[in-house]
Amino acid sequence: MPGPASKAFTSNHVVHPDGSVDFACSQDDRLWPWSALDPHHPGAIQALSYWVSVESAMALGKWDPDKWSALTWTRWQCGDSGVGRLAGGTYHRSTIDGKESFSVFLRDAAGRDICRLDGRGVVFRTRDFETWRKPDKQAVPKALSDSFAYASAAMLGLAPGERPFLSPLDGDSAAALIDAANGMPPGHPWLDGSGDHVNSAHLAEVARQFASLLRGGKPFRVTGAEMRFDHYVELGSPFEVERVDATGDEAISMQVRQAGRDCTRITFHLQDVPSA
């Protein structure tokens, strides 16, 4: 995605001599509907990841808003349950596995730890991003969400108004489809994106729905995750999510494929929560 221009999620940036950046987070649910979700919701964590990392890099003078970028890897570890909504945090440049990365420590208004988030990405050299992307978009088959057979809201763990992305299970896999109608505003209550492709927040919600399917709709919370992005998942084209481990209900690894190509590898660490 290109750097933000028309709105900002973070403010009151304080740049420290060591290159870390403190920031406050918007409390405007109208502009940032995902910020009203539980602070450990995977979709909310992935949505804020983009804005926090890009805006902190801009505060450091290390970002070109005219260039497109892509997240290639991320992981997060949540703190204790029961924390308040996201209020602010600190961004650091870091080195993880010998690669230039970023690390973000997120806190609520009482200073309690919400999450540690790590990530890394790539900035595309070409400024003609849309032309570069066109062949891949044209190569995949198309479908519409209004004619796709989705699983039930109860099996997917959906809140009122949320949209399904996955079919019922077929063994250890499920078909999926996200298009502009069900994955972008106004069709979805809190997801958005560039509109060029299925973004990381969409894929985090896909993984959450897939975990819910595997657990038969039994409630849970995600305590940690790792996501590796190898290829874009195209909007408006069916894709597949398959479980690729056999480690029980506490950790679930899954592979996202589209048109025969491995696109994203995701591992969620889960914890049971009492039924409502």
C-alpha atoms as a PDB file:
ATOM      1  CA  MET A   1       0.000   0.000   0.000  1.00  0.00           C
ATOM      2  CA  PRO A   2       1.114   3.604  -0.454  1.00  0.00           C
ATOM      3  CA  GLY A   3       1.829   5.728   2.589  1.00  0.00           C
ATOM      4  CA  PRO A   4      -1.149   7.390   4.314  1.00  0.00           C
ATOM      5  CA  ALA A   5      -2.018  10.872   3.144  1.00  0.00           C
ATOM      6  CA  SER A   6      -5.610  11.831   3.990  1.00  0.00           C
ATOM      7  CA  LYS A   7      -5.830  10.620   7.598  1.00  0.00           C
ATOM      8  CA  ALA A   8      -3.581   9.448  10.415  1.00  0.00           C
ATOM      9  CA  PHE A   9      -4.183   6.874  13.125  1.00  0.00           C
ATOM     10  CA  THR A  10      -1.275   7.977  15.316  1.00  0.00           C
ATOM     11  CA  SER A  11      -0.364  11.418  16.682  1.00  0.00           C
ATOM     12  CA  ASN A  12       1.813  13.199  19.263  1.00  0.00           C
ATOM     13  CA  HIS A  13       4.937  11.464  17.989  1.00  0.00           C
ATOM     14  CA  VAL A  14       8.029  11.780  20.173  1.00  0.00           C
ATOM     15  CA  VAL A  15      11.272  10.736  18.494  1.00  0.00           C
ATOM     16  CA  HIS A  16      13.953   9.639  20.954  1.00  0.00           C
ATOM     17  CA  PRO A  17      17.734   9.731  20.428  1.00  0.00           C
ATOM     18  CA  ASP A  18      17.830   5.930  20.039  1.00  0.00           C
ATOM     19  CA  GLY A  19      15.422   6.164  17.084  1.00  0.00           C
ATOM     20  CA  SER A  20      12.374   4.867  18.928  1.00  0.00           C
ATOM     21  CA  VAL A  21       9.073   6.694  18.517  1.00  0.00           C
ATOM     22  CA  ASP A  22       6.337   7.111  21.128  1.00  0.00           C
ATOM     23  CA  PHE A  23       2.857   7.741  19.762  1.00  0.00           C
ATOM     24  CA  ALA A  24      -0.770   8.136  20.763  1.00  0.00           C
ATOM     25  CA  CYS A  25      -3.592   6.375  18.921  1.00  0.00           C
ATOM     26  CA  SER A  26      -6.856   7.825  17.649  1.00  0.00           C
ATOM     27  CA  GLN A  27      -9.979   6.999  19.648  1.00  0.00           C
ATOM     28  CA  ASP A  28     -12.288   7.863  16.735  1.00  0.00           C
ATOM     29  CA  ASP A  29     -14.368   4.759  16.034  1.00  0.00           C
ATOM     30  CA  ARG A  30     -15.930   6.383  12.992  1.00  0.00           C
ATOM     31  CA  LEU A  31     -12.607   6.787  11.197  1.00  0.00           C
ATOM     32  CA  TRP A  32     -11.103   3.572  12.595  1.00  0.00           C
ATOM     33  CA  PRO A  33     -13.956   1.098  13.246  1.00  0.00           C
ATOM     34  CA  TRP A  34     -11.553  -1.801  13.853  1.00  0.00           C
ATOM     35  CA  SER A  35     -10.118   0.101  16.839  1.00  0.00           C
ATOM     36  CA  ALA A  36     -13.378  -0.550  18.716  1.00  0.00           C
ATOM     37  CA  LEU A  37     -12.832  -4.334  18.525  1.00  0.00           C
ATOM     38  CA  ASP A  38     -11.255  -6.281  21.361  1.00  0.00           C
ATOM     39  CA  PRO A  39      -7.616  -5.093  21.400  1.00  0.00           C
ATOM     40  CA  HIS A  40      -6.433  -8.701  20.886  1.00  0.00           C
ATOM     41  CA  HIS A  41      -8.619  -9.276  17.819  1.00  0.00           C
ATOM     42  CA  PRO A  42      -6.296 -10.489  15.014  1.00  0.00           C
ATOM     43  CA  GLY A  43      -7.919  -8.232  12.419  1.00  0.00           C
ATOM     44  CA  ALA A  44      -7.495  -5.177  14.616  1.00  0.00           C
ATOM     45  CA  ILE A  45      -3.835  -5.976  15.299  1.00  0.00           C
ATOM     46  CA  GLN A  46      -3.084  -6.384  11.597  1.00  0.00           C
ATOM     47  CA  ALA A  47      -5.031  -3.253  10.655  1.00  0.00           C
ATOM     48  CA  LEU A  48      -3.142  -1.077  13.132  1.00  0.00           C
ATOM     49  CA  SER A  49       0.189  -2.646  12.129  1.00  0.00           C
ATOM     50  CA  TYR A  50       0.189  -0.829   8.814  1.00  0.00           C
ATOM     51  CA  TRP A  51      -0.723   2.595  10.170  1.00  0.00           C
ATOM     52  CA  VAL A  52       1.536   2.462  13.230  1.00  0.00           C
ATOM     53  CA  SER A  53       4.610   1.248  11.348  1.00  0.00           C
ATOM     54  CA  VAL A  54       4.237   3.604   8.393  1.00  0.00           C
ATOM     55  CA  GLU A  55       3.395   6.698  10.438  1.00  0.00           C
ATOM     56  CA  SER A  56       6.246   6.029  12.880  1.00  0.00           C
ATOM     57  CA  ALA A  57       8.655   5.632   9.967  1.00  0.00           C
ATOM     58  CA  MET A  58       7.357   8.921   8.572  1.00  0.00           C
ATOM     59  CA  ALA A  59       8.019  10.586  11.946  1.00  0.00           C
ATOM     60  CA  LEU A  60      11.609   9.359  11.598  1.00  0.00           C
ATOM     61  CA  GLY A  61      11.816  10.747   8.044  1.00  0.00           C
ATOM     62  CA  LYS A  62      12.364   7.256   6.638  1.00  0.00           C
ATOM     63  CA  TRP A  63       9.295   6.819   4.440  1.00  0.00           C
ATOM     64  CA  ASP A  64       8.399   7.816   0.878  1.00  0.00           C
ATOM     65  CA  PRO A  65       4.582   8.124   0.755  1.00  0.00           C
ATOM     66  CA  ASP A  66       4.583   7.975  -3.044  1.00  0.00           C
ATOM     67  CA  LYS A  67       5.954   4.427  -3.159  1.00  0.00           C
ATOM     68  CA  TRP A  68       4.009   1.221  -2.620  1.00  0.00           C
ATOM     69  CA  SER A  69       5.051  -1.200   0.096  1.00  0.00           C
ATOM     70  CA  ALA A  70       4.110  -4.704   1.181  1.00  0.00           C
ATOM     71  CA  LEU A  71       4.313  -6.522   4.491  1.00  0.00           C
ATOM     72  CA  THR A  72       6.244  -9.773   4.067  1.00  0.00           C
ATOM     73  CA  TRP A  73       6.317 -11.145   7.621  1.00  0.00           C
ATOM     74  CA  THR A  74       4.780 -10.383  10.987  1.00  0.00           C
ATOM     75  CA  ARG A  75       4.295 -11.944  14.386  1.00  0.00           C
ATOM     76  CA  TRP A  76       2.653 -10.807  17.564  1.00  0.00           C
ATOM     77  CA  GLN A  77       2.312 -11.874  21.186  1.00  0.00           C
ATOM     78  CA  CYS A  78      -0.653 -10.638  23.200  1.00  0.00           C
ATOM     79  CA  GLY A  79      -0.578  -9.664  26.853  1.00  0.00           C
ATOM     80  CA  ASP A  80      -3.128 -10.633  29.476  1.00  0.00           C
ATOM     81  CA  SER A  81      -6.812 -10.568  28.619  1.00  0.00           C
ATOM     82  CA  GLY A  82      -8.985  -7.829  30.089  1.00  0.00           C
ATOM     83  CA  VAL A  83      -6.882  -4.856  28.979  1.00  0.00           C
ATOM     84  CA  GLY A  84      -8.499  -1.686  27.696  1.00  0.00           C
ATOM     85  CA  ARG A  85      -8.580  -0.368  24.157  1.00  0.00           C
ATOM     86  CA  LEU A  86      -5.405   0.713  22.422  1.00  0.00           C
ATOM     87  CA  ALA A  87      -4.179   4.121  23.588  1.00  0.00           C
ATOM     88  CA  GLY A  88      -0.594   4.329  22.372  1.00  0.00           C
ATOM     89  CA  GLY A  89       2.770   2.664  22.230  1.00  0.00           C
ATOM     90  CA  THR A  90       6.399   2.738  21.158  1.00  0.00           C
ATOM     91  CA  TYR A  91       7.921   1.869  17.772  1.00  0.00           C
ATOM     92  CA  HIS A  92      11.496   0.601  17.383  1.00  0.00           C
ATOM     93  CA  ARG A  93      13.638  -0.292  14.418  1.00  0.00           C
ATOM     94  CA  SER A  94      14.949  -3.790  15.100  1.00  0.00           C
ATOM     95  CA  THR A  95      16.933  -6.683  13.642  1.00  0.00           C
ATOM     96  CA  ILE A  96      15.211 -10.076  13.750  1.00  0.00           C
ATOM     97  CA  ASP A  97      16.808 -13.200  12.294  1.00  0.00           C
ATOM     98  CA  GLY A  98      19.467 -10.945  10.793  1.00  0.00           C
ATOM     99  CA  LYS A  99      16.903  -8.896   8.840  1.00  0.00           C
ATOM    100  CA  GLU A 100      15.888  -5.259   9.221  1.00  0.00           C
ATOM    101  CA  SER A 101      12.508  -5.241  10.948  1.00  0.00           C
ATOM    102  CA  PHE A 102      10.323  -3.173  13.244  1.00  0.00           C
ATOM    103  CA  SER A 103       8.950  -3.875  16.717  1.00  0.00           C
ATOM    104  CA  VAL A 104       5.957  -2.135  18.281  1.00  0.00           C
ATOM    105  CA  PHE A 105       4.886  -2.264  21.922  1.00  0.00           C
ATOM    106  CA  LEU A 106       1.207  -1.389  22.346  1.00  0.00           C
ATOM    107  CA  ARG A 107      -0.450  -0.230  25.572  1.00  0.00           C
ATOM    108  CA  ASP A 108      -3.844   0.783  26.917  1.00  0.00           C
ATOM    109  CA  ALA A 109      -4.630   4.060  28.705  1.00  0.00           C
ATOM    110  CA  ALA A 110      -3.558   2.562  32.054  1.00  0.00           C
ATOM    111  CA  GLY A 111      -0.156   1.611  30.627  1.00  0.00           C
ATOM    112  CA  ARG A 112      -0.913  -2.115  30.538  1.00  0.00           C
ATOM    113  CA  ASP A 113       0.730  -4.152  27.784  1.00  0.00           C
ATOM    114  CA  ILE A 114      -1.655  -5.110  24.978  1.00  0.00           C
ATOM    115  CA  CYS A 115       0.697  -6.662  22.477  1.00  0.00           C
ATOM    116  CA  ARG A 116       4.209  -6.827  21.081  1.00  0.00           C
ATOM    117  CA  LEU A 117       4.136  -6.720  17.298  1.00  0.00           C
ATOM    118  CA  ASP A 118       7.109  -7.431  15.027  1.00  0.00           C
ATOM    119  CA  GLY A 119       7.208  -7.140  11.253  1.00  0.00           C
ATOM    120  CA  ARG A 120       9.161  -6.465   8.101  1.00  0.00           C
ATOM    121  CA  GLY A 121       8.301  -5.527   4.558  1.00  0.00           C
ATOM    122  CA  VAL A 122       9.510  -4.379   1.186  1.00  0.00           C
ATOM    123  CA  VAL A 123       9.228  -1.081  -0.695  1.00  0.00           C
ATOM    124  CA  PHE A 124       8.670  -1.439  -4.433  1.00  0.00           C
ATOM    125  CA  ARG A 125      11.113   0.430  -6.635  1.00  0.00           C
ATOM    126  CA  THR A 126       8.623   0.898  -9.463  1.00  0.00           C
ATOM    127  CA  ARG A 127       6.120   3.725  -9.149  1.00  0.00           C
ATOM    128  CA  ASP A 128       3.874   2.134 -11.791  1.00  0.00           C
ATOM    129  CA  PHE A 129       2.536  -0.393  -9.297  1.00  0.00           C
ATOM    130  CA  GLU A 130      -0.867  -0.791 -10.946  1.00  0.00           C
ATOM    131  CA  THR A 131       0.608  -1.779 -14.314  1.00  0.00           C
ATOM    132  CA  TRP A 132       2.964  -4.247 -12.635  1.00  0.00           C
ATOM    133  CA  ARG A 133       0.043  -5.848 -10.795  1.00  0.00           C
ATOM    134  CA  LYS A 134      -2.335  -6.089 -13.779  1.00  0.00           C
ATOM    135  CA  PRO A 135      -1.204  -9.473 -15.219  1.00  0.00           C
ATOM    136  CA  ASP A 136      -1.627 -11.271 -11.875  1.00  0.00           C
ATOM    137  CA  LYS A 137      -5.097  -9.815 -11.388  1.00  0.00           C
ATOM    138  CA  GLN A 138      -6.167 -10.924 -14.849  1.00  0.00           C
ATOM    139  CA  ALA A 139      -4.744 -14.457 -14.498  1.00  0.00           C
ATOM    140  CA  VAL A 140      -6.980 -15.673 -11.654  1.00  0.00           C
ATOM    141  CA  PRO A 141     -10.603 -16.832 -12.039  1.00  0.00           C
ATOM    142  CA  LYS A 142     -13.302 -14.453 -10.797  1.00  0.00           C
ATOM    143  CA  ALA A 143     -16.363 -14.986  -8.604  1.00  0.00           C
ATOM    144  CA  LEU A 144     -18.931 -12.923  -6.680  1.00  0.00           C
ATOM    145  CA  SER A 145     -19.570 -13.168  -2.957  1.00  0.00           C
ATOM    146  CA  ASP A 146     -23.351 -12.936  -3.411  1.00  0.00           C
ATOM    147  CA  SER A 147     -23.361 -16.382  -5.075  1.00  0.00           C
ATOM    148  CA  PHE A 148     -20.698 -18.083  -2.898  1.00  0.00           C
ATOM    149  CA  ALA A 149     -21.734 -20.803  -0.390  1.00  0.00           C
ATOM    150  CA  TYR A 150     -20.391 -19.540   2.951  1.00  0.00           C
ATOM    151  CA  ALA A 151     -20.400 -21.337   6.301  1.00  0.00           C
ATOM    152  CA  SER A 152     -22.810 -20.211   9.012  1.00  0.00           C
ATOM    153  CA  ALA A 153     -22.110 -17.196  11.217  1.00  0.00           C
ATOM    154  CA  ALA A 154     -22.109 -19.441  14.306  1.00  0.00           C
ATOM    155  CA  MET A 155     -19.444 -21.759  12.896  1.00  0.00           C
ATOM    156  CA  LEU A 156     -17.293 -18.794  11.827  1.00  0.00           C
ATOM    157  CA  GLY A 157     -17.623 -16.992  15.158  1.00  0.00           C
ATOM    158  CA  LEU A 158     -19.044 -13.847  13.577  1.00  0.00           C
ATOM    159  CA  ALA A 159     -20.372 -10.880  15.527  1.00  0.00           C
ATOM    160  CA  PRO A 160     -23.592  -9.218  14.309  1.00  0.00           C
ATOM    161  CA  GLY A 161     -22.979  -7.443  10.999  1.00  0.00           C
ATOM    162  CA  GLU A 162     -19.680  -9.187  10.234  1.00  0.00           C
ATOM    163  CA  ARG A 163     -19.324 -10.928   6.892  1.00  0.00           C
ATOM    164  CA  PRO A 164     -18.347 -14.548   6.222  1.00  0.00           C
ATOM    165  CA  PHE A 165     -15.288 -15.317   4.105  1.00  0.00           C
ATOM    166  CA  LEU A 166     -15.114 -19.144   4.242  1.00  0.00           C
ATOM    167  CA  SER A 167     -17.152 -22.115   3.074  1.00  0.00           C
ATOM    168  CA  PRO A 168     -17.952 -25.057   5.380  1.00  0.00           C
ATOM    169  CA  LEU A 169     -15.004 -27.368   6.008  1.00  0.00           C
ATOM    170  CA  ASP A 170     -14.086 -30.058   3.520  1.00  0.00           C
ATOM    171  CA  GLY A 171     -11.793 -32.228   5.610  1.00  0.00           C
ATOM    172  CA  ASP A 172      -9.021 -29.920   6.847  1.00  0.00           C
ATOM    173  CA  SER A 173      -9.601 -27.190   4.265  1.00  0.00           C
ATOM    174  CA  ALA A 174     -12.161 -24.602   3.249  1.00  0.00           C
ATOM    175  CA  ALA A 175     -12.769 -22.480   0.183  1.00  0.00           C
ATOM    176  CA  ALA A 176     -12.771 -18.707   0.602  1.00  0.00           C
ATOM    177  CA  LEU A 177     -13.770 -15.591  -1.300  1.00  0.00           C
ATOM    178  CA  ILE A 178     -13.327 -11.924  -0.487  1.00  0.00           C
ATOM    179  CA  ASP A 179     -14.433  -9.217  -2.890  1.00  0.00           C
ATOM    180  CA  ALA A 180     -15.231  -5.527  -2.598  1.00  0.00           C
ATOM    181  CA  ALA A 181     -18.836  -6.302  -1.643  1.00  0.00           C
ATOM    182  CA  ASN A 182     -18.039  -8.288   1.509  1.00  0.00           C
ATOM    183  CA  GLY A 183     -14.508  -7.181   2.365  1.00  0.00           C
ATOM    184  CA  MET A 184     -14.509  -3.410   1.909  1.00  0.00           C
ATOM    185  CA  PRO A 185     -16.673  -0.573   3.245  1.00  0.00           C
ATOM    186  CA  PRO A 186     -19.582  -0.162   3.313  1.00  0.00           C
ATOM    187  CA  GLY A 187     -20.113  -3.919   2.913  1.00  0.00           C
ATOM    188  CA  HIS A 188     -17.887  -4.836   5.870  1.00  0.00           C
ATOM    189  CA  PRO A 189     -18.321  -3.063   9.212  1.00  0.00           C
ATOM    190  CA  TRP A 190     -14.633  -2.642  10.088  1.00  0.00           C
ATOM    191  CA  LEU A 191     -12.316  -3.938   7.331  1.00  0.00           C
ATOM    192  CA  ASP A 192     -10.913  -1.761   4.572  1.00  0.00           C
ATOM    193  CA  GLY A 193      -7.728  -1.576   2.527  1.00  0.00           C
ATOM    194  CA  SER A 194      -6.185  -0.349  -0.701  1.00  0.00           C
ATOM    195  CA  GLY A 195      -8.701  -2.251  -2.834  1.00  0.00           C
ATOM    196  CA  ASP A 196      -5.835  -3.703  -4.875  1.00  0.00           C
ATOM    197  CA  HIS A 197      -5.708  -7.093  -3.124  1.00  0.00           C
ATOM    198  CA  VAL A 198      -6.721  -9.010  -0.010  1.00  0.00           C
ATOM    199  CA  ASN A 199      -4.631  -7.330   2.666  1.00  0.00           C
ATOM    200  CA  SER A 200      -3.113  -8.651   5.890  1.00  0.00           C
ATOM    201  CA  ALA A 201      -6.055  -7.639   8.088  1.00  0.00           C
ATOM    202  CA  HIS A 202      -8.391  -9.586   5.785  1.00  0.00           C
ATOM    203  CA  LEU A 203      -6.095 -12.604   6.006  1.00  0.00           C
ATOM    204  CA  ALA A 204      -5.951 -12.363   9.794  1.00  0.00           C
ATOM    205  CA  GLU A 205      -9.757 -12.454   9.838  1.00  0.00           C
ATOM    206  CA  VAL A 206      -9.722 -15.378   7.383  1.00  0.00           C
ATOM    207  CA  ALA A 207      -7.416 -17.243   9.764  1.00  0.00           C
ATOM    208  CA  ARG A 208      -9.638 -16.432  12.747  1.00  0.00           C
ATOM    209  CA  GLN A 209     -12.715 -17.713  10.878  1.00  0.00           C
ATOM    210  CA  PHE A 210     -10.817 -20.841   9.814  1.00  0.00           C
ATOM    211  CA  ALA A 211      -9.755 -21.546  13.417  1.00  0.00           C
ATOM    212  CA  SER A 212     -13.379 -21.156  14.453  1.00  0.00           C
ATOM    213  CA  LEU A 213     -14.455 -23.663  11.789  1.00  0.00           C
ATOM    214  CA  LEU A 214     -11.891 -26.200  12.970  1.00  0.00           C
ATOM    215  CA  ARG A 215     -13.128 -25.768  16.552  1.00  0.00           C
ATOM    216  CA  GLY A 216     -16.790 -26.153  15.577  1.00  0.00           C
ATOM    217  CA  GLY A 217     -17.602 -22.583  16.576  1.00  0.00           C
ATOM    218  CA  LYS A 218     -16.248 -23.009  20.117  1.00  0.00           C
ATOM    219  CA  PRO A 219     -15.093 -19.564  21.390  1.00  0.00           C
ATOM    220  CA  PHE A 220     -11.413 -18.755  21.801  1.00  0.00           C
ATOM    221  CA  ARG A 221      -8.951 -15.902  21.800  1.00  0.00           C
ATOM    222  CA  VAL A 222      -5.764 -15.605  19.795  1.00  0.00           C
ATOM    223  CA  THR A 223      -2.780 -15.153  22.121  1.00  0.00           C
ATOM    224  CA  GLY A 224      -0.084 -15.005  19.455  1.00  0.00           C
ATOM    225  CA  ALA A 225       0.461 -15.359  15.741  1.00  0.00           C
ATOM    226  CA  GLU A 226       2.979 -15.491  12.916  1.00  0.00           C
ATOM    227  CA  MET A 227       2.150 -14.679   9.289  1.00  0.00           C
ATOM    228  CA  ARG A 228       4.402 -14.930   6.217  1.00  0.00           C
ATOM    229  CA  PHE A 229       3.231 -13.271   3.004  1.00  0.00           C
ATOM    230  CA  ASP A 230       4.738 -14.820  -0.135  1.00  0.00           C
ATOM    231  CA  HIS A 231       2.306 -13.674  -2.823  1.00  0.00           C
ATOM    232  CA  TYR A 232      -0.692 -11.387  -3.076  1.00  0.00           C
ATOM    233  CA  VAL A 233      -4.153 -12.914  -2.679  1.00  0.00           C
ATOM    234  CA  GLU A 234      -6.399 -11.333  -5.288  1.00  0.00           C
ATOM    235  CA  LEU A 235      -9.778  -9.784  -4.488  1.00  0.00           C
ATOM    236  CA  GLY A 236     -12.782 -11.346  -6.182  1.00  0.00           C
ATOM    237  CA  SER A 237     -11.062 -14.671  -6.821  1.00  0.00           C
ATOM    238  CA  PRO A 238     -11.627 -17.888  -4.826  1.00  0.00           C
ATOM    239  CA  PHE A 239      -8.798 -19.218  -2.690  1.00  0.00           C
ATOM    240  CA  GLU A 240      -8.238 -22.134  -0.313  1.00  0.00           C
ATOM    241  CA  VAL A 241      -7.218 -22.366   3.335  1.00  0.00           C
ATOM    242  CA  GLU A 242      -5.786 -25.692   4.507  1.00  0.00           C
ATOM    243  CA  ARG A 243      -4.618 -26.809   7.920  1.00  0.00           C
ATOM    244  CA  VAL A 244      -1.015 -27.984   7.657  1.00  0.00           C
ATOM    245  CA  ASP A 245      -0.276 -29.229  11.159  1.00  0.00           C
ATOM    246  CA  ALA A 246      -1.645 -31.756  13.645  1.00  0.00           C
ATOM    247  CA  THR A 247      -0.741 -30.174  16.977  1.00  0.00           C
ATOM    248  CA  GLY A 248      -4.192 -29.955  18.581  1.00  0.00           C
ATOM    249  CA  ASP A 249      -6.344 -26.939  19.398  1.00  0.00           C
ATOM    250  CA  GLU A 250      -3.726 -24.747  21.102  1.00  0.00           C
ATOM    251  CA  ALA A 251      -1.885 -23.916  17.859  1.00  0.00           C
ATOM    252  CA  ILE A 252      -3.170 -24.028  14.305  1.00  0.00           C
ATOM    253  CA  SER A 253      -0.986 -23.563  11.210  1.00  0.00           C
ATOM    254  CA  MET A 254      -2.622 -22.972   7.857  1.00  0.00           C
ATOM    255  CA  GLN A 255      -1.634 -22.378   4.238  1.00  0.00           C
ATOM    256  CA  VAL A 256      -3.507 -19.971   1.982  1.00  0.00           C
ATOM    257  CA  ARG A 257      -3.395 -20.889  -1.716  1.00  0.00           C
ATOM    258  CA  GLN A 258      -4.889 -19.261  -4.783  1.00  0.00           C
ATOM    259  CA  ALA A 259      -4.832 -20.620  -8.339  1.00  0.00           C
ATOM    260  CA  GLY A 260      -2.362 -23.326  -7.259  1.00  0.00           C
ATOM    261  CA  ARG A 261       0.093 -20.875  -5.704  1.00  0.00           C
ATOM    262  CA  ASP A 262       1.119 -20.730  -2.029  1.00  0.00           C
ATOM    263  CA  CYS A 263       0.347 -17.185  -0.873  1.00  0.00           C
ATOM    264  CA  THR A 264       0.357 -16.926   2.921  1.00  0.00           C
ATOM    265  CA  ARG A 265       1.410 -19.150   5.815  1.00  0.00           C
ATOM    266  CA  ILE A 266      -0.264 -18.422   9.158  1.00  0.00           C
ATOM    267  CA  THR A 267       0.085 -19.865  12.656  1.00  0.00           C
ATOM    268  CA  PHE A 268      -2.311 -18.885  15.452  1.00  0.00           C
ATOM    269  CA  HIS A 269      -1.855 -19.730  19.126  1.00  0.00           C
ATOM    270  CA  LEU A 270      -5.224 -20.118  20.818  1.00  0.00           C
ATOM    271  CA  GLN A 271      -6.738 -20.116  24.279  1.00  0.00           C
ATOM    272  CA  ASP A 272     -10.204 -21.327  25.239  1.00  0.00           C
ATOM    273  CA  VAL A 273     -12.634 -18.756  26.618  1.00  0.00           C
ATOM    274  CA  PRO A 274     -15.929 -19.458  28.393  1.00  0.00           C
ATOM    275  CA  SER A 275     -19.032 -19.543  26.203  1.00  0.00           C
ATOM    276  CA  ALA A 276     -21.223 -16.468  26.477  1.00  0.00           C
END
